[in-house]
N, C-alpha and C. Protein backbone atom coordinates (compact mmCIF):
# COMPACT_ATOMS: atom_id res chain seq x y z
N MET A 1 -21.60 -6.43 -4.16
CA MET A 1 -20.77 -5.60 -3.34
C MET A 1 -21.34 -5.56 -1.93
N THR A 2 -20.50 -5.91 -0.97
CA THR A 2 -20.93 -5.89 0.42
C THR A 2 -19.81 -5.34 1.29
N ILE A 3 -20.22 -4.82 2.43
CA ILE A 3 -19.27 -4.44 3.47
C ILE A 3 -19.77 -5.08 4.76
N VAL A 4 -18.87 -5.76 5.44
CA VAL A 4 -19.21 -6.44 6.69
C VAL A 4 -18.73 -5.56 7.84
N VAL A 5 -19.67 -5.15 8.69
CA VAL A 5 -19.38 -4.27 9.82
C VAL A 5 -20.08 -4.84 11.05
N ARG A 6 -19.33 -5.10 12.10
CA ARG A 6 -19.93 -5.63 13.34
C ARG A 6 -20.80 -4.56 14.01
N SER A 7 -21.76 -4.99 14.78
CA SER A 7 -22.67 -4.05 15.45
C SER A 7 -21.91 -3.11 16.39
N ALA A 8 -20.85 -3.58 17.04
CA ALA A 8 -20.06 -2.71 17.92
C ALA A 8 -19.37 -1.60 17.11
N GLN A 9 -18.99 -1.92 15.87
CA GLN A 9 -18.37 -0.91 15.02
C GLN A 9 -19.40 0.10 14.53
N ILE A 10 -20.59 -0.38 14.21
CA ILE A 10 -21.68 0.52 13.82
C ILE A 10 -21.99 1.48 14.97
N LYS A 11 -21.96 0.97 16.20
CA LYS A 11 -22.22 1.82 17.36
C LYS A 11 -21.19 2.93 17.47
N ILE A 12 -19.93 2.64 17.20
CA ILE A 12 -18.88 3.67 17.22
C ILE A 12 -19.21 4.77 16.21
N ILE A 13 -19.62 4.36 15.01
CA ILE A 13 -19.97 5.32 13.96
C ILE A 13 -21.18 6.15 14.39
N TYR A 14 -22.22 5.49 14.89
CA TYR A 14 -23.43 6.19 15.33
C TYR A 14 -23.13 7.18 16.45
N ASP A 15 -22.35 6.74 17.44
CA ASP A 15 -22.02 7.63 18.55
C ASP A 15 -21.25 8.86 18.06
N HIS A 16 -20.32 8.64 17.16
CA HIS A 16 -19.53 9.76 16.61
C HIS A 16 -20.45 10.72 15.85
N ALA A 17 -21.38 10.18 15.08
CA ALA A 17 -22.30 11.01 14.31
C ALA A 17 -23.20 11.84 15.22
N GLU A 18 -23.73 11.23 16.27
CA GLU A 18 -24.61 11.96 17.18
C GLU A 18 -23.83 12.97 18.02
N ASN A 19 -22.62 12.63 18.43
CA ASN A 19 -21.81 13.54 19.24
C ASN A 19 -21.28 14.73 18.44
N THR A 20 -21.18 14.57 17.14
CA THR A 20 -20.66 15.64 16.28
C THR A 20 -21.78 16.55 15.77
N TYR A 21 -23.01 16.05 15.77
CA TYR A 21 -24.16 16.81 15.30
C TYR A 21 -24.18 18.19 15.97
N PRO A 22 -24.46 19.28 15.26
CA PRO A 22 -25.05 19.39 13.93
C PRO A 22 -24.03 19.45 12.79
N GLU A 23 -22.76 19.18 13.09
CA GLU A 23 -21.76 19.12 12.03
C GLU A 23 -21.66 17.70 11.50
N GLU A 24 -21.08 17.57 10.31
CA GLU A 24 -20.83 16.24 9.76
C GLU A 24 -19.69 15.60 10.54
N CYS A 25 -19.83 14.32 10.85
CA CYS A 25 -18.73 13.56 11.41
C CYS A 25 -18.01 12.88 10.25
N CYS A 26 -16.85 12.32 10.54
CA CYS A 26 -16.13 11.58 9.50
C CYS A 26 -15.15 10.62 10.16
N GLY A 27 -14.68 9.67 9.38
CA GLY A 27 -13.72 8.71 9.90
C GLY A 27 -13.28 7.71 8.85
N ILE A 28 -12.39 6.85 9.28
CA ILE A 28 -11.70 5.91 8.39
C ILE A 28 -12.05 4.49 8.80
N LEU A 29 -12.18 3.61 7.83
CA LEU A 29 -12.45 2.19 8.07
C LEU A 29 -11.24 1.37 7.62
N LEU A 30 -10.64 0.63 8.54
CA LEU A 30 -9.56 -0.30 8.22
C LEU A 30 -10.12 -1.70 8.14
N GLY A 31 -9.60 -2.48 7.22
CA GLY A 31 -10.08 -3.86 7.11
C GLY A 31 -9.39 -4.62 6.01
N LYS A 32 -10.14 -5.56 5.45
CA LYS A 32 -9.62 -6.43 4.39
C LYS A 32 -10.59 -6.44 3.22
N ILE A 33 -10.03 -6.52 2.04
CA ILE A 33 -10.83 -6.62 0.81
C ILE A 33 -10.58 -7.99 0.21
N VAL A 34 -11.67 -8.74 0.01
CA VAL A 34 -11.59 -10.04 -0.64
C VAL A 34 -12.64 -10.05 -1.75
N GLY A 35 -12.19 -10.02 -2.98
CA GLY A 35 -13.11 -9.96 -4.12
C GLY A 35 -13.90 -8.66 -4.09
N ILE A 36 -15.24 -8.78 -4.07
CA ILE A 36 -16.08 -7.59 -4.03
C ILE A 36 -16.63 -7.33 -2.62
N SER A 37 -16.05 -8.00 -1.63
CA SER A 37 -16.50 -7.85 -0.25
C SER A 37 -15.39 -7.22 0.60
N LYS A 38 -15.81 -6.32 1.47
CA LYS A 38 -14.88 -5.70 2.41
C LYS A 38 -15.33 -6.07 3.83
N THR A 39 -14.36 -6.34 4.69
CA THR A 39 -14.66 -6.61 6.09
C THR A 39 -13.95 -5.56 6.93
N VAL A 40 -14.72 -4.82 7.72
CA VAL A 40 -14.16 -3.79 8.58
C VAL A 40 -13.60 -4.45 9.83
N VAL A 41 -12.37 -4.11 10.17
CA VAL A 41 -11.72 -4.61 11.37
C VAL A 41 -11.63 -3.50 12.42
N GLU A 42 -11.46 -2.27 11.97
CA GLU A 42 -11.31 -1.16 12.91
C GLU A 42 -11.97 0.11 12.35
N VAL A 43 -12.69 0.82 13.21
CA VAL A 43 -13.30 2.11 12.89
C VAL A 43 -12.48 3.19 13.58
N ILE A 44 -12.04 4.18 12.81
CA ILE A 44 -11.24 5.26 13.36
C ILE A 44 -11.98 6.59 13.18
N PRO A 45 -12.69 7.06 14.21
CA PRO A 45 -13.33 8.37 14.11
C PRO A 45 -12.26 9.47 14.03
N THR A 46 -12.51 10.50 13.23
CA THR A 46 -11.58 11.62 13.11
C THR A 46 -12.33 12.92 13.32
N ILE A 47 -11.58 13.99 13.41
CA ILE A 47 -12.22 15.30 13.47
C ILE A 47 -12.59 15.73 12.05
N ASN A 48 -13.54 16.61 11.96
CA ASN A 48 -13.90 17.22 10.68
C ASN A 48 -13.07 18.48 10.55
N ALA A 49 -12.09 18.46 9.66
CA ALA A 49 -11.16 19.57 9.50
C ALA A 49 -11.52 20.48 8.33
N TRP A 50 -12.75 20.38 7.84
CA TRP A 50 -13.13 21.16 6.68
C TRP A 50 -13.07 22.65 6.99
N GLU A 51 -12.49 23.39 6.06
CA GLU A 51 -12.46 24.84 6.13
C GLU A 51 -12.73 25.39 4.75
N LYS A 52 -13.51 26.42 4.70
CA LYS A 52 -13.81 27.08 3.42
C LYS A 52 -12.52 27.67 2.86
N THR A 53 -12.28 27.44 1.57
CA THR A 53 -11.11 28.02 0.93
C THR A 53 -11.47 29.38 0.33
N LYS A 54 -10.47 30.15 0.04
CA LYS A 54 -10.69 31.46 -0.56
C LYS A 54 -11.32 31.36 -1.95
N LEU A 55 -11.16 30.21 -2.59
CA LEU A 55 -11.68 30.03 -3.94
C LEU A 55 -13.14 29.59 -3.95
N GLU A 56 -13.63 29.10 -2.82
CA GLU A 56 -15.00 28.59 -2.77
C GLU A 56 -16.00 29.74 -2.81
N GLN A 57 -17.01 29.56 -3.65
CA GLN A 57 -18.01 30.60 -3.84
C GLN A 57 -19.24 30.43 -2.97
N THR A 58 -19.34 29.34 -2.25
CA THR A 58 -20.54 29.09 -1.44
C THR A 58 -20.24 29.36 0.04
N GLU A 59 -21.28 29.36 0.81
CA GLU A 59 -21.16 29.57 2.25
C GLU A 59 -21.29 28.25 3.00
N ARG A 60 -20.69 27.21 2.49
CA ARG A 60 -20.78 25.89 3.13
C ARG A 60 -20.03 25.89 4.46
N THR A 61 -20.53 25.08 5.39
CA THR A 61 -19.91 24.93 6.70
C THR A 61 -19.72 23.45 6.98
N LYS A 62 -19.24 23.13 8.17
CA LYS A 62 -19.08 21.73 8.57
C LYS A 62 -20.42 21.01 8.70
N HIS A 63 -21.51 21.74 8.64
CA HIS A 63 -22.85 21.13 8.64
C HIS A 63 -23.09 20.37 7.33
N SER A 64 -22.40 20.76 6.26
CA SER A 64 -22.64 20.13 4.96
C SER A 64 -21.36 19.73 4.23
N ARG A 65 -20.23 19.82 4.89
CA ARG A 65 -18.95 19.42 4.29
C ARG A 65 -18.08 18.77 5.35
N TYR A 66 -17.16 17.92 4.88
CA TYR A 66 -16.18 17.34 5.81
C TYR A 66 -14.86 17.14 5.09
N THR A 67 -13.80 17.14 5.86
CA THR A 67 -12.47 16.80 5.40
C THR A 67 -11.79 16.02 6.50
N ILE A 68 -11.23 14.88 6.15
CA ILE A 68 -10.44 14.10 7.11
C ILE A 68 -9.02 14.62 7.04
N PRO A 69 -8.42 14.99 8.17
CA PRO A 69 -7.05 15.51 8.14
C PRO A 69 -6.09 14.50 7.52
N SER A 70 -5.21 14.99 6.67
CA SER A 70 -4.26 14.09 5.98
C SER A 70 -3.39 13.35 6.99
N ARG A 71 -3.07 13.98 8.12
CA ARG A 71 -2.24 13.28 9.13
C ARG A 71 -2.97 12.05 9.67
N ASP A 72 -4.32 12.13 9.78
CA ASP A 72 -5.09 10.99 10.25
C ASP A 72 -5.11 9.86 9.22
N ILE A 73 -5.15 10.23 7.95
CA ILE A 73 -5.10 9.22 6.89
C ILE A 73 -3.73 8.54 6.89
N PHE A 74 -2.66 9.31 7.04
CA PHE A 74 -1.31 8.72 7.09
C PHE A 74 -1.16 7.80 8.30
N LYS A 75 -1.69 8.22 9.46
CA LYS A 75 -1.63 7.36 10.65
C LYS A 75 -2.39 6.06 10.42
N ALA A 76 -3.56 6.16 9.79
CA ALA A 76 -4.35 4.95 9.51
C ALA A 76 -3.63 4.04 8.54
N GLN A 77 -2.99 4.61 7.52
CA GLN A 77 -2.23 3.79 6.58
C GLN A 77 -1.09 3.06 7.29
N LYS A 78 -0.39 3.77 8.16
CA LYS A 78 0.71 3.15 8.91
C LYS A 78 0.19 2.05 9.82
N ARG A 79 -0.91 2.35 10.54
CA ARG A 79 -1.51 1.33 11.42
C ARG A 79 -1.95 0.12 10.60
N GLY A 80 -2.54 0.37 9.45
CA GLY A 80 -2.96 -0.72 8.58
C GLY A 80 -1.80 -1.59 8.14
N ARG A 81 -0.71 -0.95 7.75
CA ARG A 81 0.48 -1.72 7.35
C ARG A 81 0.95 -2.61 8.49
N ASN A 82 0.99 -2.04 9.70
CA ASN A 82 1.45 -2.81 10.86
C ASN A 82 0.53 -3.98 11.18
N LEU A 83 -0.75 -3.84 10.89
CA LEU A 83 -1.73 -4.90 11.19
C LEU A 83 -2.10 -5.72 9.96
N GLN A 84 -1.45 -5.46 8.84
CA GLN A 84 -1.75 -6.11 7.56
C GLN A 84 -3.20 -5.87 7.14
N LEU A 85 -3.62 -4.61 7.29
CA LEU A 85 -4.95 -4.18 6.89
C LEU A 85 -4.83 -3.04 5.89
N ASP A 86 -5.92 -2.74 5.23
CA ASP A 86 -5.98 -1.64 4.28
C ASP A 86 -7.09 -0.68 4.69
N ILE A 87 -6.99 0.54 4.20
CA ILE A 87 -8.14 1.43 4.31
C ILE A 87 -9.17 0.89 3.32
N VAL A 88 -10.36 0.56 3.83
CA VAL A 88 -11.41 0.01 2.97
C VAL A 88 -12.54 1.01 2.73
N GLY A 89 -12.52 2.12 3.49
CA GLY A 89 -13.56 3.10 3.29
C GLY A 89 -13.45 4.29 4.20
N PHE A 90 -14.35 5.23 3.95
CA PHE A 90 -14.44 6.46 4.74
C PHE A 90 -15.92 6.69 5.04
N PHE A 91 -16.23 6.96 6.29
CA PHE A 91 -17.63 7.21 6.64
C PHE A 91 -17.81 8.68 6.99
N HIS A 92 -19.05 9.14 6.87
CA HIS A 92 -19.40 10.48 7.33
C HIS A 92 -20.90 10.54 7.56
N SER A 93 -21.33 11.65 8.14
CA SER A 93 -22.76 11.80 8.42
C SER A 93 -23.35 12.93 7.59
N HIS A 94 -24.67 12.86 7.47
CA HIS A 94 -25.44 13.94 6.85
C HIS A 94 -26.43 14.45 7.89
N PRO A 95 -26.10 15.57 8.55
CA PRO A 95 -27.03 16.14 9.53
C PRO A 95 -28.32 16.63 8.86
N ASP A 96 -29.44 16.14 9.36
CA ASP A 96 -30.76 16.56 8.88
C ASP A 96 -30.91 16.40 7.37
N TYR A 97 -30.35 15.31 6.87
CA TYR A 97 -30.41 15.02 5.43
C TYR A 97 -30.32 13.51 5.25
N PRO A 98 -30.90 12.97 4.18
CA PRO A 98 -30.85 11.52 3.96
C PRO A 98 -29.42 11.00 3.75
N SER A 99 -29.27 9.70 3.92
CA SER A 99 -27.96 9.05 3.78
C SER A 99 -27.69 8.67 2.32
N ILE A 100 -27.88 9.64 1.45
CA ILE A 100 -27.56 9.45 0.03
C ILE A 100 -26.42 10.38 -0.33
N PRO A 101 -25.54 9.96 -1.24
CA PRO A 101 -24.37 10.78 -1.57
C PRO A 101 -24.76 12.10 -2.24
N SER A 102 -24.02 13.12 -1.89
CA SER A 102 -24.19 14.43 -2.51
C SER A 102 -23.26 14.54 -3.72
N THR A 103 -23.42 15.60 -4.46
CA THR A 103 -22.51 15.86 -5.58
C THR A 103 -21.08 16.00 -5.08
N CYS A 104 -20.92 16.68 -3.95
CA CYS A 104 -19.59 16.83 -3.35
C CYS A 104 -19.00 15.47 -2.97
N ASP A 105 -19.84 14.59 -2.41
CA ASP A 105 -19.37 13.24 -2.06
C ASP A 105 -18.84 12.53 -3.30
N ARG A 106 -19.55 12.65 -4.41
CA ARG A 106 -19.16 11.99 -5.64
C ARG A 106 -17.84 12.55 -6.16
N GLU A 107 -17.67 13.84 -6.09
CA GLU A 107 -16.46 14.48 -6.62
C GLU A 107 -15.21 14.06 -5.86
N GLN A 108 -15.36 13.68 -4.60
CA GLN A 108 -14.21 13.32 -3.77
C GLN A 108 -13.99 11.82 -3.64
N ALA A 109 -14.86 11.02 -4.21
CA ALA A 109 -14.81 9.56 -4.01
C ALA A 109 -13.86 8.87 -4.99
N TRP A 110 -13.38 7.71 -4.57
CA TRP A 110 -12.55 6.83 -5.40
C TRP A 110 -13.23 5.47 -5.47
N GLU A 111 -13.05 4.79 -6.59
CA GLU A 111 -13.75 3.53 -6.85
C GLU A 111 -13.50 2.43 -5.83
N ILE A 112 -12.32 2.31 -5.31
CA ILE A 112 -11.98 1.16 -4.47
C ILE A 112 -12.65 1.18 -3.09
N TYR A 113 -13.05 2.35 -2.60
CA TYR A 113 -13.50 2.48 -1.22
C TYR A 113 -15.01 2.39 -1.05
N SER A 114 -15.41 2.04 0.17
CA SER A 114 -16.80 2.09 0.60
C SER A 114 -17.03 3.43 1.28
N TYR A 115 -18.26 3.94 1.12
CA TYR A 115 -18.62 5.23 1.71
C TYR A 115 -19.93 5.12 2.48
N PRO A 116 -19.87 4.60 3.72
CA PRO A 116 -21.08 4.61 4.54
C PRO A 116 -21.45 6.05 4.92
N ILE A 117 -22.74 6.35 4.81
CA ILE A 117 -23.25 7.67 5.17
C ILE A 117 -24.35 7.47 6.20
N VAL A 118 -24.25 8.19 7.31
CA VAL A 118 -25.21 8.12 8.39
C VAL A 118 -26.10 9.35 8.34
N SER A 119 -27.39 9.15 8.29
CA SER A 119 -28.34 10.26 8.39
C SER A 119 -28.63 10.51 9.87
N VAL A 120 -28.45 11.77 10.29
CA VAL A 120 -28.71 12.15 11.68
C VAL A 120 -29.78 13.24 11.65
N ILE A 121 -30.95 12.92 12.17
CA ILE A 121 -32.08 13.85 12.16
C ILE A 121 -32.29 14.37 13.59
N GLU A 122 -32.20 15.68 13.74
CA GLU A 122 -32.38 16.33 15.04
C GLU A 122 -31.54 15.67 16.14
N GLY A 123 -30.30 15.32 15.79
CA GLY A 123 -29.36 14.79 16.76
C GLY A 123 -29.38 13.29 16.99
N LYS A 124 -30.30 12.57 16.32
CA LYS A 124 -30.39 11.12 16.49
C LYS A 124 -30.20 10.42 15.15
N VAL A 125 -29.45 9.34 15.16
CA VAL A 125 -29.23 8.57 13.94
C VAL A 125 -30.55 8.07 13.40
N SER A 126 -30.76 8.27 12.12
CA SER A 126 -31.97 7.81 11.46
C SER A 126 -31.70 6.50 10.71
N ASP A 127 -30.62 6.49 9.92
CA ASP A 127 -30.23 5.26 9.21
C ASP A 127 -28.81 5.39 8.69
N ILE A 128 -28.33 4.30 8.12
CA ILE A 128 -27.01 4.25 7.50
C ILE A 128 -27.13 3.48 6.20
N LYS A 129 -26.47 3.98 5.18
CA LYS A 129 -26.37 3.29 3.90
C LYS A 129 -24.93 3.40 3.42
N SER A 130 -24.47 2.38 2.73
CA SER A 130 -23.11 2.41 2.20
C SER A 130 -23.16 2.45 0.67
N TRP A 131 -22.17 3.11 0.12
CA TRP A 131 -22.11 3.36 -1.32
C TRP A 131 -20.71 3.08 -1.85
N VAL A 132 -20.64 2.66 -3.11
CA VAL A 132 -19.37 2.51 -3.82
C VAL A 132 -19.50 3.20 -5.17
N LEU A 133 -18.39 3.74 -5.61
CA LEU A 133 -18.36 4.44 -6.89
C LEU A 133 -18.08 3.44 -8.00
N ASP A 134 -18.88 3.48 -9.06
CA ASP A 134 -18.64 2.56 -10.18
C ASP A 134 -17.68 3.19 -11.20
N ALA A 135 -17.38 2.47 -12.26
CA ALA A 135 -16.43 2.93 -13.27
C ALA A 135 -16.89 4.18 -14.01
N ASP A 136 -18.19 4.46 -13.97
CA ASP A 136 -18.73 5.66 -14.61
C ASP A 136 -18.88 6.82 -13.63
N SER A 137 -18.27 6.70 -12.46
CA SER A 137 -18.32 7.74 -11.41
C SER A 137 -19.72 7.97 -10.86
N ASN A 138 -20.51 6.91 -10.82
CA ASN A 138 -21.84 6.97 -10.19
C ASN A 138 -21.82 6.09 -8.95
N PHE A 139 -22.47 6.57 -7.89
CA PHE A 139 -22.56 5.77 -6.68
C PHE A 139 -23.58 4.66 -6.86
N GLN A 140 -23.21 3.49 -6.38
CA GLN A 140 -24.09 2.33 -6.35
C GLN A 140 -24.25 1.90 -4.90
N PRO A 141 -25.44 1.44 -4.52
CA PRO A 141 -25.62 0.98 -3.12
C PRO A 141 -24.77 -0.25 -2.84
N GLU A 142 -24.30 -0.33 -1.61
CA GLU A 142 -23.52 -1.46 -1.16
C GLU A 142 -24.21 -2.04 0.07
N GLU A 143 -24.42 -3.32 0.06
CA GLU A 143 -25.11 -3.99 1.17
C GLU A 143 -24.23 -4.00 2.40
N ILE A 144 -24.81 -3.66 3.56
CA ILE A 144 -24.09 -3.70 4.83
C ILE A 144 -24.53 -4.98 5.55
N TRP A 145 -23.54 -5.83 5.85
CA TRP A 145 -23.79 -7.06 6.63
C TRP A 145 -23.28 -6.83 8.04
N MET A 146 -24.13 -7.11 9.02
CA MET A 146 -23.72 -6.95 10.43
C MET A 146 -23.63 -8.29 11.09
């Protein structure tokens, strides 16, 4: 499993992560899927629209949660159709935390997509790792090719 991301695209993700800090950033990856490899063609940064619901029992904030607005997902799907591309993944950041998936990340993930996570420590990108969900709902590392 690999995801191919150009260095200019990685820079867009890093800039979004640092500019959004101390909140989680998020965004959509458009591209092509061939076999077990995905190639990113376009990075679409989005706002973090996460809001605590009345049913949630924790005091989580945008520092540890994210939601991509559904309108942004619909726009990306439409853009993808027009360019003959698909949504191949969703990226987000972990402020002051490693780039490993959380339980919440796992609960919201789907098998087909890549999930790059950027660790941002004290406002600066530390690293990026990509993950894919396997058939048993466990995240597996995905190699990033630049």
